[in-house]
Amino acid sequence: MTYVVTENCIKCKYMDCVEVCPVDCFYEGENMLVIHPDECIDCGVCEPECPAEAIKPDTEPGLESWLQLNSKYAASWPNISQKKDAPADAKAFDGVAGKLEAHFSPEPGAGD
């Protein structure tokens, strides 16, 4: 089992999760974070820290595509281990449906 970042992180990117991760397995994209599945130790401390409830265990049904997305972008985006400010409009995007198709960016973030 591993944890995955799902659609609600897109355009929210709160980053409370990176601060508590003991193995620094988060990677930063332009407008979302992902978890490297081979680095995640399945401790689960990140899940309750996410204000957007975007982190889920990969054992939940229907998350296969999110596991693939996390794996793909963790290989090319920079590592992040320090919390930064969330986007100014994060609250406006929290819970919005269809963010993957409408707002996902494959571009990397700045990282640490």
PDB file of N, CA and C in Angstrom:
ATOM      1  N   MET A   1       0.835  -1.188   0.000  1.00  0.00           N
ATOM      2  CA  MET A   1       0.000   0.000   0.000  1.00  0.00           C
ATOM      3  C   MET A   1       0.876   1.248   0.000  1.00  0.00           C
ATOM      4  N   THR A   2       0.385   2.264  -0.634  1.00  0.00           N
ATOM      5  CA  THR A   2       1.005   3.578  -0.605  1.00  0.00           C
ATOM      6  C   THR A   2      -0.121   4.603  -0.574  1.00  0.00           C
ATOM      7  N   TYR A   3       0.225   5.820  -0.372  1.00  0.00           N
ATOM      8  CA  TYR A   3      -0.760   6.901  -0.421  1.00  0.00           C
ATOM      9  C   TYR A   3      -0.591   7.636  -1.736  1.00  0.00           C
ATOM     10  N   VAL A   4      -1.683   8.205  -2.237  1.00  0.00           N
ATOM     11  CA  VAL A   4      -1.644   8.947  -3.492  1.00  0.00           C
ATOM     12  C   VAL A   4      -2.332  10.292  -3.302  1.00  0.00           C
ATOM     13  N   VAL A   5      -1.869  11.258  -4.057  1.00  0.00           N
ATOM     14  CA  VAL A   5      -2.512  12.568  -4.084  1.00  0.00           C
ATOM     15  C   VAL A   5      -3.513  12.533  -5.226  1.00  0.00           C
ATOM     16  N   THR A   6      -4.714  13.006  -4.955  1.00  0.00           N
ATOM     17  CA  THR A   6      -5.797  12.926  -5.933  1.00  0.00           C
ATOM     18  C   THR A   6      -6.210  14.315  -6.424  1.00  0.00           C
ATOM     19  N   GLU A   7      -7.247  14.337  -7.222  1.00  0.00           N
ATOM     20  CA  GLU A   7      -7.672  15.525  -7.952  1.00  0.00           C
ATOM     21  C   GLU A   7      -7.870  16.782  -7.120  1.00  0.00           C
ATOM     22  N   ASN A   8      -8.343  16.658  -5.888  1.00  0.00           N
ATOM     23  CA  ASN A   8      -8.652  17.876  -5.149  1.00  0.00           C
ATOM     24  C   ASN A   8      -7.405  18.684  -4.781  1.00  0.00           C
ATOM     25  N   CYS A   9      -6.235  18.121  -4.935  1.00  0.00           N
ATOM     26  CA  CYS A   9      -5.004  18.892  -4.699  1.00  0.00           C
ATOM     27  C   CYS A   9      -4.766  19.921  -5.804  1.00  0.00           C
ATOM     28  N   ILE A  10      -5.252  19.628  -6.997  1.00  0.00           N
ATOM     29  CA  ILE A  10      -5.012  20.524  -8.130  1.00  0.00           C
ATOM     30  C   ILE A  10      -5.574  21.906  -7.831  1.00  0.00           C
ATOM     31  N   LYS A  11      -4.723  22.912  -7.963  1.00  0.00           N
ATOM     32  CA  LYS A  11      -5.043  24.323  -7.718  1.00  0.00           C
ATOM     33  C   LYS A  11      -5.268  24.635  -6.230  1.00  0.00           C
ATOM     34  N   CYS A  12      -5.149  23.620  -5.346  1.00  0.00           N
ATOM     35  CA  CYS A  12      -5.247  23.870  -3.899  1.00  0.00           C
ATOM     36  C   CYS A  12      -3.840  23.843  -3.296  1.00  0.00           C
ATOM     37  N   LYS A  13      -3.151  22.709  -3.463  1.00  0.00           N
ATOM     38  CA  LYS A  13      -1.731  22.574  -3.113  1.00  0.00           C
ATOM     39  C   LYS A  13      -1.396  23.206  -1.758  1.00  0.00           C
ATOM     40  N   TYR A  14      -2.068  22.730  -0.712  1.00  0.00           N
ATOM     41  CA  TYR A  14      -1.875  23.300   0.620  1.00  0.00           C
ATOM     42  C   TYR A  14      -0.509  23.027   1.249  1.00  0.00           C
ATOM     43  N   MET A  15       0.077  21.889   1.029  1.00  0.00           N
ATOM     44  CA  MET A  15       1.430  21.532   1.477  1.00  0.00           C
ATOM     45  C   MET A  15       1.598  21.247   2.961  1.00  0.00           C
ATOM     46  N   ASP A  16       0.529  21.148   3.721  1.00  0.00           N
ATOM     47  CA  ASP A  16       0.653  20.744   5.127  1.00  0.00           C
ATOM     48  C   ASP A  16       1.254  19.340   5.204  1.00  0.00           C
ATOM     49  N   CYS A  17       0.996  18.533   4.209  1.00  0.00           N
ATOM     50  CA  CYS A  17       1.454  17.147   4.154  1.00  0.00           C
ATOM     51  C   CYS A  17       2.972  17.026   4.090  1.00  0.00           C
ATOM     52  N   VAL A  18       3.610  17.894   3.344  1.00  0.00           N
ATOM     53  CA  VAL A  18       5.066  17.759   3.171  1.00  0.00           C
ATOM     54  C   VAL A  18       5.812  18.004   4.474  1.00  0.00           C
ATOM     55  N   GLU A  19       5.217  18.803   5.341  1.00  0.00           N
ATOM     56  CA  GLU A  19       5.849  19.148   6.612  1.00  0.00           C
ATOM     57  C   GLU A  19       5.914  17.958   7.572  1.00  0.00           C
ATOM     58  N   VAL A  20       4.962  17.038   7.465  1.00  0.00           N
ATOM     59  CA  VAL A  20       4.911  15.912   8.407  1.00  0.00           C
ATOM     60  C   VAL A  20       5.488  14.622   7.839  1.00  0.00           C
ATOM     61  N   CYS A  21       5.774  14.581   6.560  1.00  0.00           N
ATOM     62  CA  CYS A  21       6.274  13.350   5.925  1.00  0.00           C
ATOM     63  C   CYS A  21       7.674  13.011   6.442  1.00  0.00           C
ATOM     64  N   PRO A  22       7.833  11.836   7.068  1.00  0.00           N
ATOM     65  CA  PRO A  22       9.149  11.482   7.623  1.00  0.00           C
ATOM     66  C   PRO A  22      10.186  11.061   6.580  1.00  0.00           C
ATOM     67  N   VAL A  23       9.748  10.780   5.345  1.00  0.00           N
ATOM     68  CA  VAL A  23      10.684  10.311   4.319  1.00  0.00           C
ATOM     69  C   VAL A  23      10.772  11.233   3.109  1.00  0.00           C
ATOM     70  N   ASP A  24      10.139  12.392   3.176  1.00  0.00           N
ATOM     71  CA  ASP A  24      10.217  13.384   2.091  1.00  0.00           C
ATOM     72  C   ASP A  24       9.886  12.784   0.729  1.00  0.00           C
ATOM     73  N   CYS A  25       8.719  12.147   0.636  1.00  0.00           N
ATOM     74  CA  CYS A  25       8.343  11.485  -0.626  1.00  0.00           C
ATOM     75  C   CYS A  25       7.386  12.318  -1.475  1.00  0.00           C
ATOM     76  N   PHE A  26       7.262  13.616  -1.171  1.00  0.00           N
ATOM     77  CA  PHE A  26       6.399  14.491  -1.967  1.00  0.00           C
ATOM     78  C   PHE A  26       7.203  15.215  -3.041  1.00  0.00           C
ATOM     79  N   TYR A  27       6.562  15.394  -4.190  1.00  0.00           N
ATOM     80  CA  TYR A  27       7.176  16.077  -5.322  1.00  0.00           C
ATOM     81  C   TYR A  27       6.215  17.154  -5.796  1.00  0.00           C
ATOM     82  N   GLU A  28       6.789  18.294  -6.217  1.00  0.00           N
ATOM     83  CA  GLU A  28       5.975  19.466  -6.501  1.00  0.00           C
ATOM     84  C   GLU A  28       5.813  19.758  -7.980  1.00  0.00           C
ATOM     85  N   GLY A  29       4.561  19.815  -8.397  1.00  0.00           N
ATOM     86  CA  GLY A  29       4.223  20.291  -9.721  1.00  0.00           C
ATOM     87  C   GLY A  29       3.811  21.743  -9.641  1.00  0.00           C
ATOM     88  N   GLU A  30       3.549  22.326 -10.779  1.00  0.00           N
ATOM     89  CA  GLU A  30       3.158  23.725 -10.831  1.00  0.00           C
ATOM     90  C   GLU A  30       1.911  24.005  -9.991  1.00  0.00           C
ATOM     91  N   ASN A  31       0.927  23.071 -10.041  1.00  0.00           N
ATOM     92  CA  ASN A  31      -0.286  23.357  -9.275  1.00  0.00           C
ATOM     93  C   ASN A  31      -0.827  22.175  -8.469  1.00  0.00           C
ATOM     94  N   MET A  32       0.012  21.179  -8.210  1.00  0.00           N
ATOM     95  CA  MET A  32      -0.364  20.095  -7.308  1.00  0.00           C
ATOM     96  C   MET A  32       0.889  19.366  -6.827  1.00  0.00           C
ATOM     97  N   LEU A  33       0.722  18.520  -5.848  1.00  0.00           N
ATOM     98  CA  LEU A  33       1.794  17.680  -5.340  1.00  0.00           C
ATOM     99  C   LEU A  33       1.494  16.230  -5.709  1.00  0.00           C
ATOM    100  N   VAL A  34       2.535  15.396  -5.710  1.00  0.00           N
ATOM    101  CA  VAL A  34       2.360  13.955  -5.870  1.00  0.00           C
ATOM    102  C   VAL A  34       3.250  13.250  -4.854  1.00  0.00           C
ATOM    103  N   ILE A  35       2.920  11.990  -4.593  1.00  0.00           N
ATOM    104  CA  ILE A  35       3.705  11.136  -3.699  1.00  0.00           C
ATOM    105  C   ILE A  35       4.421  10.094  -4.547  1.00  0.00           C
ATOM    106  N   HIS A  36       5.707   9.905  -4.286  1.00  0.00           N
ATOM    107  CA  HIS A  36       6.456   8.860  -4.986  1.00  0.00           C
ATOM    108  C   HIS A  36       6.090   7.526  -4.333  1.00  0.00           C
ATOM    109  N   PRO A  37       5.414   6.626  -5.053  1.00  0.00           N
ATOM    110  CA  PRO A  37       4.940   5.389  -4.434  1.00  0.00           C
ATOM    111  C   PRO A  37       6.048   4.460  -3.952  1.00  0.00           C
ATOM    112  N   ASP A  38       7.222   4.538  -4.538  1.00  0.00           N
ATOM    113  CA  ASP A  38       8.323   3.676  -4.105  1.00  0.00           C
ATOM    114  C   ASP A  38       9.041   4.236  -2.880  1.00  0.00           C
ATOM    115  N   GLU A  39       8.783   5.482  -2.542  1.00  0.00           N
ATOM    116  CA  GLU A  39       9.417   6.102  -1.378  1.00  0.00           C
ATOM    117  C   GLU A  39       8.484   6.177  -0.176  1.00  0.00           C
ATOM    118  N   CYS A  40       7.186   6.161  -0.425  1.00  0.00           N
ATOM    119  CA  CYS A  40       6.190   6.244   0.647  1.00  0.00           C
ATOM    120  C   CYS A  40       6.303   5.006   1.537  1.00  0.00           C
ATOM    121  N   ILE A  41       6.325   5.229   2.859  1.00  0.00           N
ATOM    122  CA  ILE A  41       6.429   4.108   3.803  1.00  0.00           C
ATOM    123  C   ILE A  41       5.066   3.747   4.402  1.00  0.00           C
ATOM    124  N   ASP A  42       4.012   4.286   3.849  1.00  0.00           N
ATOM    125  CA  ASP A  42       2.652   3.940   4.238  1.00  0.00           C
ATOM    126  C   ASP A  42       2.335   4.264   5.695  1.00  0.00           C
ATOM    127  N   CYS A  43       2.955   5.308   6.226  1.00  0.00           N
ATOM    128  CA  CYS A  43       2.731   5.657   7.631  1.00  0.00           C
ATOM    129  C   CYS A  43       1.397   6.360   7.832  1.00  0.00           C
ATOM    130  N   GLY A  44       0.913   7.059   6.816  1.00  0.00           N
ATOM    131  CA  GLY A  44      -0.389   7.687   6.880  1.00  0.00           C
ATOM    132  C   GLY A  44      -0.458   9.028   7.587  1.00  0.00           C
ATOM    133  N   VAL A  45       0.669   9.579   8.032  1.00  0.00           N
ATOM    134  CA  VAL A  45       0.598  10.852   8.762  1.00  0.00           C
ATOM    135  C   VAL A  45       0.190  12.014   7.872  1.00  0.00           C
ATOM    136  N   CYS A  46       0.393  11.903   6.579  1.00  0.00           N
ATOM    137  CA  CYS A  46       0.037  12.987   5.666  1.00  0.00           C
ATOM    138  C   CYS A  46      -1.462  13.104   5.441  1.00  0.00           C
ATOM    139  N   GLU A  47      -2.161  11.988   5.433  1.00  0.00           N
ATOM    140  CA  GLU A  47      -3.580  11.983   5.071  1.00  0.00           C
ATOM    141  C   GLU A  47      -4.432  12.934   5.925  1.00  0.00           C
ATOM    142  N   PRO A  48      -4.361  12.880   7.259  1.00  0.00           N
ATOM    143  CA  PRO A  48      -5.202  13.793   8.046  1.00  0.00           C
ATOM    144  C   PRO A  48      -4.735  15.244   8.017  1.00  0.00           C
ATOM    145  N   GLU A  49      -3.523  15.500   7.533  1.00  0.00           N
ATOM    146  CA  GLU A  49      -2.995  16.863   7.482  1.00  0.00           C
ATOM    147  C   GLU A  49      -3.488  17.654   6.277  1.00  0.00           C
ATOM    148  N   CYS A  50      -4.049  16.976   5.282  1.00  0.00           N
ATOM    149  CA  CYS A  50      -4.469  17.634   4.047  1.00  0.00           C
ATOM    150  C   CYS A  50      -5.821  18.322   4.229  1.00  0.00           C
ATOM    151  N   PRO A  51      -5.854  19.651   4.220  1.00  0.00           N
ATOM    152  CA  PRO A  51      -7.126  20.368   4.369  1.00  0.00           C
ATOM    153  C   PRO A  51      -8.112  20.076   3.240  1.00  0.00           C
ATOM    154  N   ALA A  52      -7.603  19.713   2.076  1.00  0.00           N
ATOM    155  CA  ALA A  52      -8.463  19.440   0.920  1.00  0.00           C
ATOM    156  C   ALA A  52      -8.890  17.973   0.843  1.00  0.00           C
ATOM    157  N   GLU A  53      -8.404  17.163   1.780  1.00  0.00           N
ATOM    158  CA  GLU A  53      -8.698  15.723   1.789  1.00  0.00           C
ATOM    159  C   GLU A  53      -8.368  15.073   0.452  1.00  0.00           C
ATOM    160  N   ALA A  54      -7.226  15.451  -0.094  1.00  0.00           N
ATOM    161  CA  ALA A  54      -6.806  14.966  -1.408  1.00  0.00           C
ATOM    162  C   ALA A  54      -5.869  13.767  -1.338  1.00  0.00           C
ATOM    163  N   ILE A  55      -5.468  13.352  -0.161  1.00  0.00           N
ATOM    164  CA  ILE A  55      -4.559  12.220  -0.020  1.00  0.00           C
ATOM    165  C   ILE A  55      -5.356  11.008   0.422  1.00  0.00           C
ATOM    166  N   LYS A  56      -5.200   9.915  -0.322  1.00  0.00           N
ATOM    167  CA  LYS A  56      -5.962   8.693  -0.071  1.00  0.00           C
ATOM    168  C   LYS A  56      -5.037   7.484  -0.140  1.00  0.00           C
ATOM    169  N   PRO A  57      -5.368   6.401   0.600  1.00  0.00           N
ATOM    170  CA  PRO A  57      -4.609   5.158   0.437  1.00  0.00           C
ATOM    171  C   PRO A  57      -4.939   4.541  -0.922  1.00  0.00           C
ATOM    172  N   ASP A  58      -3.954   3.976  -1.563  1.00  0.00           N
ATOM    173  CA  ASP A  58      -4.187   3.429  -2.908  1.00  0.00           C
ATOM    174  C   ASP A  58      -5.057   2.177  -2.889  1.00  0.00           C
ATOM    175  N   THR A  59      -5.436   1.724  -1.715  1.00  0.00           N
ATOM    176  CA  THR A  59      -6.327   0.572  -1.611  1.00  0.00           C
ATOM    177  C   THR A  59      -7.788   0.953  -1.833  1.00  0.00           C
ATOM    178  N   GLU A  60      -8.085   2.254  -1.842  1.00  0.00           N
ATOM    179  CA  GLU A  60      -9.464   2.675  -2.128  1.00  0.00           C
ATOM    180  C   GLU A  60      -9.775   2.392  -3.597  1.00  0.00           C
ATOM    181  N   PRO A  61     -10.982   1.932  -3.890  1.00  0.00           N
ATOM    182  CA  PRO A  61     -11.338   1.623  -5.280  1.00  0.00           C
ATOM    183  C   PRO A  61     -11.274   2.858  -6.185  1.00  0.00           C
ATOM    184  N   GLY A  62     -10.838   2.627  -7.423  1.00  0.00           N
ATOM    185  CA  GLY A  62     -10.851   3.670  -8.432  1.00  0.00           C
ATOM    186  C   GLY A  62      -9.661   4.612  -8.430  1.00  0.00           C
ATOM    187  N   LEU A  63      -8.622   4.305  -7.669  1.00  0.00           N
ATOM    188  CA  LEU A  63      -7.475   5.216  -7.594  1.00  0.00           C
ATOM    189  C   LEU A  63      -6.282   4.762  -8.434  1.00  0.00           C
ATOM    190  N   GLU A  64      -6.472   3.766  -9.274  1.00  0.00           N
ATOM    191  CA  GLU A  64      -5.361   3.250 -10.082  1.00  0.00           C
ATOM    192  C   GLU A  64      -4.754   4.338 -10.971  1.00  0.00           C
ATOM    193  N   SER A  65      -5.619   5.146 -11.600  1.00  0.00           N
ATOM    194  CA  SER A  65      -5.101   6.191 -12.491  1.00  0.00           C
ATOM    195  C   SER A  65      -4.334   7.257 -11.693  1.00  0.00           C
ATOM    196  N   TRP A  66      -4.742   7.506 -10.450  1.00  0.00           N
ATOM    197  CA  TRP A  66      -4.029   8.484  -9.613  1.00  0.00           C
ATOM    198  C   TRP A  66      -2.688   7.925  -9.160  1.00  0.00           C
ATOM    199  N   LEU A  67      -2.618   6.613  -8.922  1.00  0.00           N
ATOM    200  CA  LEU A  67      -1.339   5.994  -8.584  1.00  0.00           C
ATOM    201  C   LEU A  67      -0.379   6.134  -9.767  1.00  0.00           C
ATOM    202  N   GLN A  68      -0.877   5.926 -10.967  1.00  0.00           N
ATOM    203  CA  GLN A  68      -0.041   6.074 -12.166  1.00  0.00           C
ATOM    204  C   GLN A  68       0.414   7.521 -12.346  1.00  0.00           C
ATOM    205  N   LEU A  69      -0.492   8.477 -12.142  1.00  0.00           N
ATOM    206  CA  LEU A  69      -0.130   9.891 -12.273  1.00  0.00           C
ATOM    207  C   LEU A  69       0.914  10.286 -11.235  1.00  0.00           C
ATOM    208  N   ASN A  70       0.726   9.844  -9.985  1.00  0.00           N
ATOM    209  CA  ASN A  70       1.697  10.152  -8.933  1.00  0.00           C
ATOM    210  C   ASN A  70       3.066   9.576  -9.281  1.00  0.00           C
ATOM    211  N   SER A  71       3.085   8.340  -9.724  1.00  0.00           N
ATOM    212  CA  SER A  71       4.344   7.679 -10.079  1.00  0.00           C
ATOM    213  C   SER A  71       5.045   8.388 -11.240  1.00  0.00           C
ATOM    214  N   LYS A  72       4.285   8.726 -12.266  1.00  0.00           N
ATOM    215  CA  LYS A  72       4.847   9.376 -13.452  1.00  0.00           C
ATOM    216  C   LYS A  72       5.497  10.721 -13.104  1.00  0.00           C
ATOM    217  N   TYR A  73       4.777  11.573 -12.392  1.00  0.00           N
ATOM    218  CA  TYR A  73       5.295  12.914 -12.143  1.00  0.00           C
ATOM    219  C   TYR A  73       6.298  12.975 -10.994  1.00  0.00           C
ATOM    220  N   ALA A  74       6.244  12.017 -10.074  1.00  0.00           N
ATOM    221  CA  ALA A  74       7.263  11.973  -9.016  1.00  0.00           C
ATOM    222  C   ALA A  74       8.650  11.707  -9.607  1.00  0.00           C
ATOM    223  N   ALA A  75       8.666  11.077 -10.768  1.00  0.00           N
ATOM    224  CA  ALA A  75       9.947  10.775 -11.429  1.00  0.00           C
ATOM    225  C   ALA A  75      10.578  12.002 -12.083  1.00  0.00           C
ATOM    226  N   SER A  76       9.783  13.063 -12.321  1.00  0.00           N
ATOM    227  CA  SER A  76      10.344  14.220 -13.026  1.00  0.00           C
ATOM    228  C   SER A  76      10.191  15.552 -12.286  1.00  0.00           C
ATOM    229  N   TRP A  77       9.289  15.641 -11.334  1.00  0.00           N
ATOM    230  CA  TRP A  77       9.125  16.888 -10.582  1.00  0.00           C
ATOM    231  C   TRP A  77      10.114  16.948  -9.428  1.00  0.00           C
ATOM    232  N   PRO A  78      10.466  18.142  -8.955  1.00  0.00           N
ATOM    233  CA  PRO A  78      11.423  18.267  -7.857  1.00  0.00           C
ATOM    234  C   PRO A  78      10.821  17.881  -6.502  1.00  0.00           C
ATOM    235  N   ASN A  79      11.662  17.356  -5.655  1.00  0.00           N
ATOM    236  CA  ASN A  79      11.272  16.986  -4.299  1.00  0.00           C
ATOM    237  C   ASN A  79      10.946  18.226  -3.483  1.00  0.00           C
ATOM    238  N   ILE A  80      10.001  18.081  -2.570  1.00  0.00           N
ATOM    239  CA  ILE A  80       9.653  19.178  -1.674  1.00  0.00           C
ATOM    240  C   ILE A  80       9.465  18.613  -0.263  1.00  0.00           C
ATOM    241  N   SER A  81      10.093  19.264   0.706  1.00  0.00           N
ATOM    242  CA  SER A  81       9.989  18.798   2.093  1.00  0.00           C
ATOM    243  C   SER A  81       9.634  19.928   3.054  1.00  0.00           C
ATOM    244  N   GLN A  82       9.518  21.135   2.536  1.00  0.00           N
ATOM    245  CA  GLN A  82       9.189  22.277   3.384  1.00  0.00           C
ATOM    246  C   GLN A  82       7.894  22.914   2.907  1.00  0.00           C
ATOM    247  N   LYS A  83       7.026  23.199   3.866  1.00  0.00           N
ATOM    248  CA  LYS A  83       5.732  23.802   3.548  1.00  0.00           C
ATOM    249  C   LYS A  83       5.913  25.216   3.011  1.00  0.00           C
ATOM    250  N   LYS A  84       5.158  25.512   1.972  1.00  0.00           N
ATOM    251  CA  LYS A  84       5.100  26.857   1.407  1.00  0.00           C
ATOM    252  C   LYS A  84       3.650  27.332   1.506  1.00  0.00           C
ATOM    253  N   ASP A  85       3.409  28.566   1.172  1.00  0.00           N
ATOM    254  CA  ASP A  85       2.054  29.094   1.184  1.00  0.00           C
ATOM    255  C   ASP A  85       1.233  28.465   0.062  1.00  0.00           C
ATOM    256  N   ALA A  86      -0.018  28.215   0.362  1.00  0.00           N
ATOM    257  CA  ALA A  86      -0.942  27.709  -0.647  1.00  0.00           C
ATOM    258  C   ALA A  86      -1.269  28.838  -1.623  1.00  0.00           C
ATOM    259  N   PRO A  87      -1.719  28.506  -2.817  1.00  0.00           N
ATOM    260  CA  PRO A  87      -2.137  29.558  -3.760  1.00  0.00           C
ATOM    261  C   PRO A  87      -3.226  30.437  -3.144  1.00  0.00           C
ATOM    262  N   ALA A  88      -3.251  31.679  -3.525  1.00  0.00           N
ATOM    263  CA  ALA A  88      -4.221  32.635  -2.971  1.00  0.00           C
ATOM    264  C   ALA A  88      -5.662  32.211  -3.229  1.00  0.00           C
ATOM    265  N   ASP A  89      -5.902  31.503  -4.336  1.00  0.00           N
ATOM    266  CA  ASP A  89      -7.259  31.091  -4.675  1.00  0.00           C
ATOM    267  C   ASP A  89      -7.555  29.623  -4.333  1.00  0.00           C
ATOM    268  N   ALA A  90      -6.757  29.038  -3.441  1.00  0.00           N
ATOM    269  CA  ALA A  90      -6.912  27.625  -3.103  1.00  0.00           C
ATOM    270  C   ALA A  90      -8.310  27.297  -2.587  1.00  0.00           C
ATOM    271  N   LYS A  91      -8.840  28.099  -1.700  1.00  0.00           N
ATOM    272  CA  LYS A  91     -10.166  27.822  -1.136  1.00  0.00           C
ATOM    273  C   LYS A  91     -11.247  27.824  -2.218  1.00  0.00           C
ATOM    274  N   ALA A  92     -11.106  28.668  -3.206  1.00  0.00           N
ATOM    275  CA  ALA A  92     -12.101  28.739  -4.284  1.00  0.00           C
ATOM    276  C   ALA A  92     -12.109  27.458  -5.117  1.00  0.00           C
ATOM    277  N   PHE A  93     -10.983  26.750  -5.185  1.00  0.00           N
ATOM    278  CA  PHE A  93     -10.897  25.529  -5.984  1.00  0.00           C
ATOM    279  C   PHE A  93     -11.118  24.263  -5.175  1.00  0.00           C
ATOM    280  N   ASP A  94     -11.161  24.364  -3.848  1.00  0.00           N
ATOM    281  CA  ASP A  94     -11.355  23.197  -2.992  1.00  0.00           C
ATOM    282  C   ASP A  94     -12.729  22.590  -3.252  1.00  0.00           C
ATOM    283  N   GLY A  95     -12.743  21.343  -3.697  1.00  0.00           N
ATOM    284  CA  GLY A  95     -13.996  20.639  -3.949  1.00  0.00           C
ATOM    285  C   GLY A  95     -14.563  20.794  -5.343  1.00  0.00           C
ATOM    286  N   VAL A  96     -13.923  21.579  -6.189  1.00  0.00           N
ATOM    287  CA  VAL A  96     -14.396  21.759  -7.562  1.00  0.00           C
ATOM    288  C   VAL A  96     -14.164  20.468  -8.350  1.00  0.00           C
ATOM    289  N   ALA A  97     -15.168  20.022  -9.054  1.00  0.00           N
ATOM    290  CA  ALA A  97     -15.056  18.806  -9.866  1.00  0.00           C
ATOM    291  C   ALA A  97     -14.389  19.107 -11.206  1.00  0.00           C
ATOM    292  N   GLY A  98     -13.792  18.081 -11.797  1.00  0.00           N
ATOM    293  CA  GLY A  98     -13.227  18.204 -13.137  1.00  0.00           C
ATOM    294  C   GLY A  98     -11.914  18.956 -13.222  1.00  0.00           C
ATOM    295  N   LYS A  99     -11.199  19.052 -12.118  1.00  0.00           N
ATOM    296  CA  LYS A  99      -9.951  19.823 -12.129  1.00  0.00           C
ATOM    297  C   LYS A  99      -8.846  19.152 -12.947  1.00  0.00           C
ATOM    298  N   LEU A 100      -8.850  17.839 -13.025  1.00  0.00           N
ATOM    299  CA  LEU A 100      -7.802  17.169 -13.801  1.00  0.00           C
ATOM    300  C   LEU A 100      -7.860  17.614 -15.260  1.00  0.00           C
ATOM    301  N   GLU A 101      -9.019  17.578 -15.837  1.00  0.00           N
ATOM    302  CA  GLU A 101      -9.172  17.949 -17.243  1.00  0.00           C
ATOM    303  C   GLU A 101      -9.031  19.451 -17.459  1.00  0.00           C
ATOM    304  N   ALA A 102      -9.530  20.254 -16.538  1.00  0.00           N
ATOM    305  CA  ALA A 102      -9.576  21.703 -16.740  1.00  0.00           C
ATOM    306  C   ALA A 102      -8.351  22.463 -16.249  1.00  0.00           C
ATOM    307  N   HIS A 103      -7.663  21.933 -15.226  1.00  0.00           N
ATOM    308  CA  HIS A 103      -6.627  22.753 -14.596  1.00  0.00           C
ATOM    309  C   HIS A 103      -5.275  22.075 -14.355  1.00  0.00           C
ATOM    310  N   PHE A 104      -5.159  20.774 -14.537  1.00  0.00           N
ATOM    311  CA  PHE A 104      -3.886  20.097 -14.250  1.00  0.00           C
ATOM    312  C   PHE A 104      -2.769  20.623 -15.138  1.00  0.00           C
ATOM    313  N   SER A 105      -1.616  20.881 -14.528  1.00  0.00           N
ATOM    314  CA  SER A 105      -0.434  21.277 -15.287  1.00  0.00           C
ATOM    315  C   SER A 105       0.664  20.223 -15.104  1.00  0.00           C
ATOM    316  N   PRO A 106       1.235  19.726 -16.200  1.00  0.00           N
ATOM    317  CA  PRO A 106       2.335  18.769 -16.088  1.00  0.00           C
ATOM    318  C   PRO A 106       3.691  19.448 -15.795  1.00  0.00           C
ATOM    319  N   GLU A 107       3.677  20.753 -15.717  1.00  0.00           N
ATOM    320  CA  GLU A 107       4.923  21.483 -15.473  1.00  0.00           C
ATOM    321  C   GLU A 107       5.395  21.309 -14.031  1.00  0.00           C
ATOM    322  N   PRO A 108       6.703  21.252 -13.819  1.00  0.00           N
ATOM    323  CA  PRO A 108       7.219  21.106 -12.461  1.00  0.00           C
ATOM    324  C   PRO A 108       7.064  22.369 -11.642  1.00  0.00           C
ATOM    325  N   GLY A 109       7.044  22.203 -10.330  1.00  0.00           N
ATOM    326  CA  GLY A 109       7.073  23.330  -9.414  1.00  0.00           C
ATOM    327  C   GLY A 109       8.521  23.673  -9.103  1.00  0.00           C
ATOM    328  N   ALA A 110       8.719  24.496  -8.100  1.00  0.00           N
ATOM    329  CA  ALA A 110      10.065  24.948  -7.741  1.00  0.00           C
ATOM    330  C   ALA A 110      10.801  23.955  -6.858  1.00  0.00           C
ATOM    331  N   GLY A 111      10.081  23.146  -6.066  1.00  0.00           N
ATOM    332  CA  GLY A 111      10.730  22.256  -5.123  1.00  0.00           C
ATOM    333  C   GLY A 111      11.357  23.051  -3.988  1.00  0.00           C
ATOM    334  N   ASP A 112      12.208  22.382  -3.209  1.00  0.00           N
ATOM    335  CA  ASP A 112      12.867  23.045  -2.070  1.00  0.00           C
ATOM    336  C   ASP A 112      13.934  24.024  -2.519  1.00  0.00           C
TER     337      ASP A 112
END
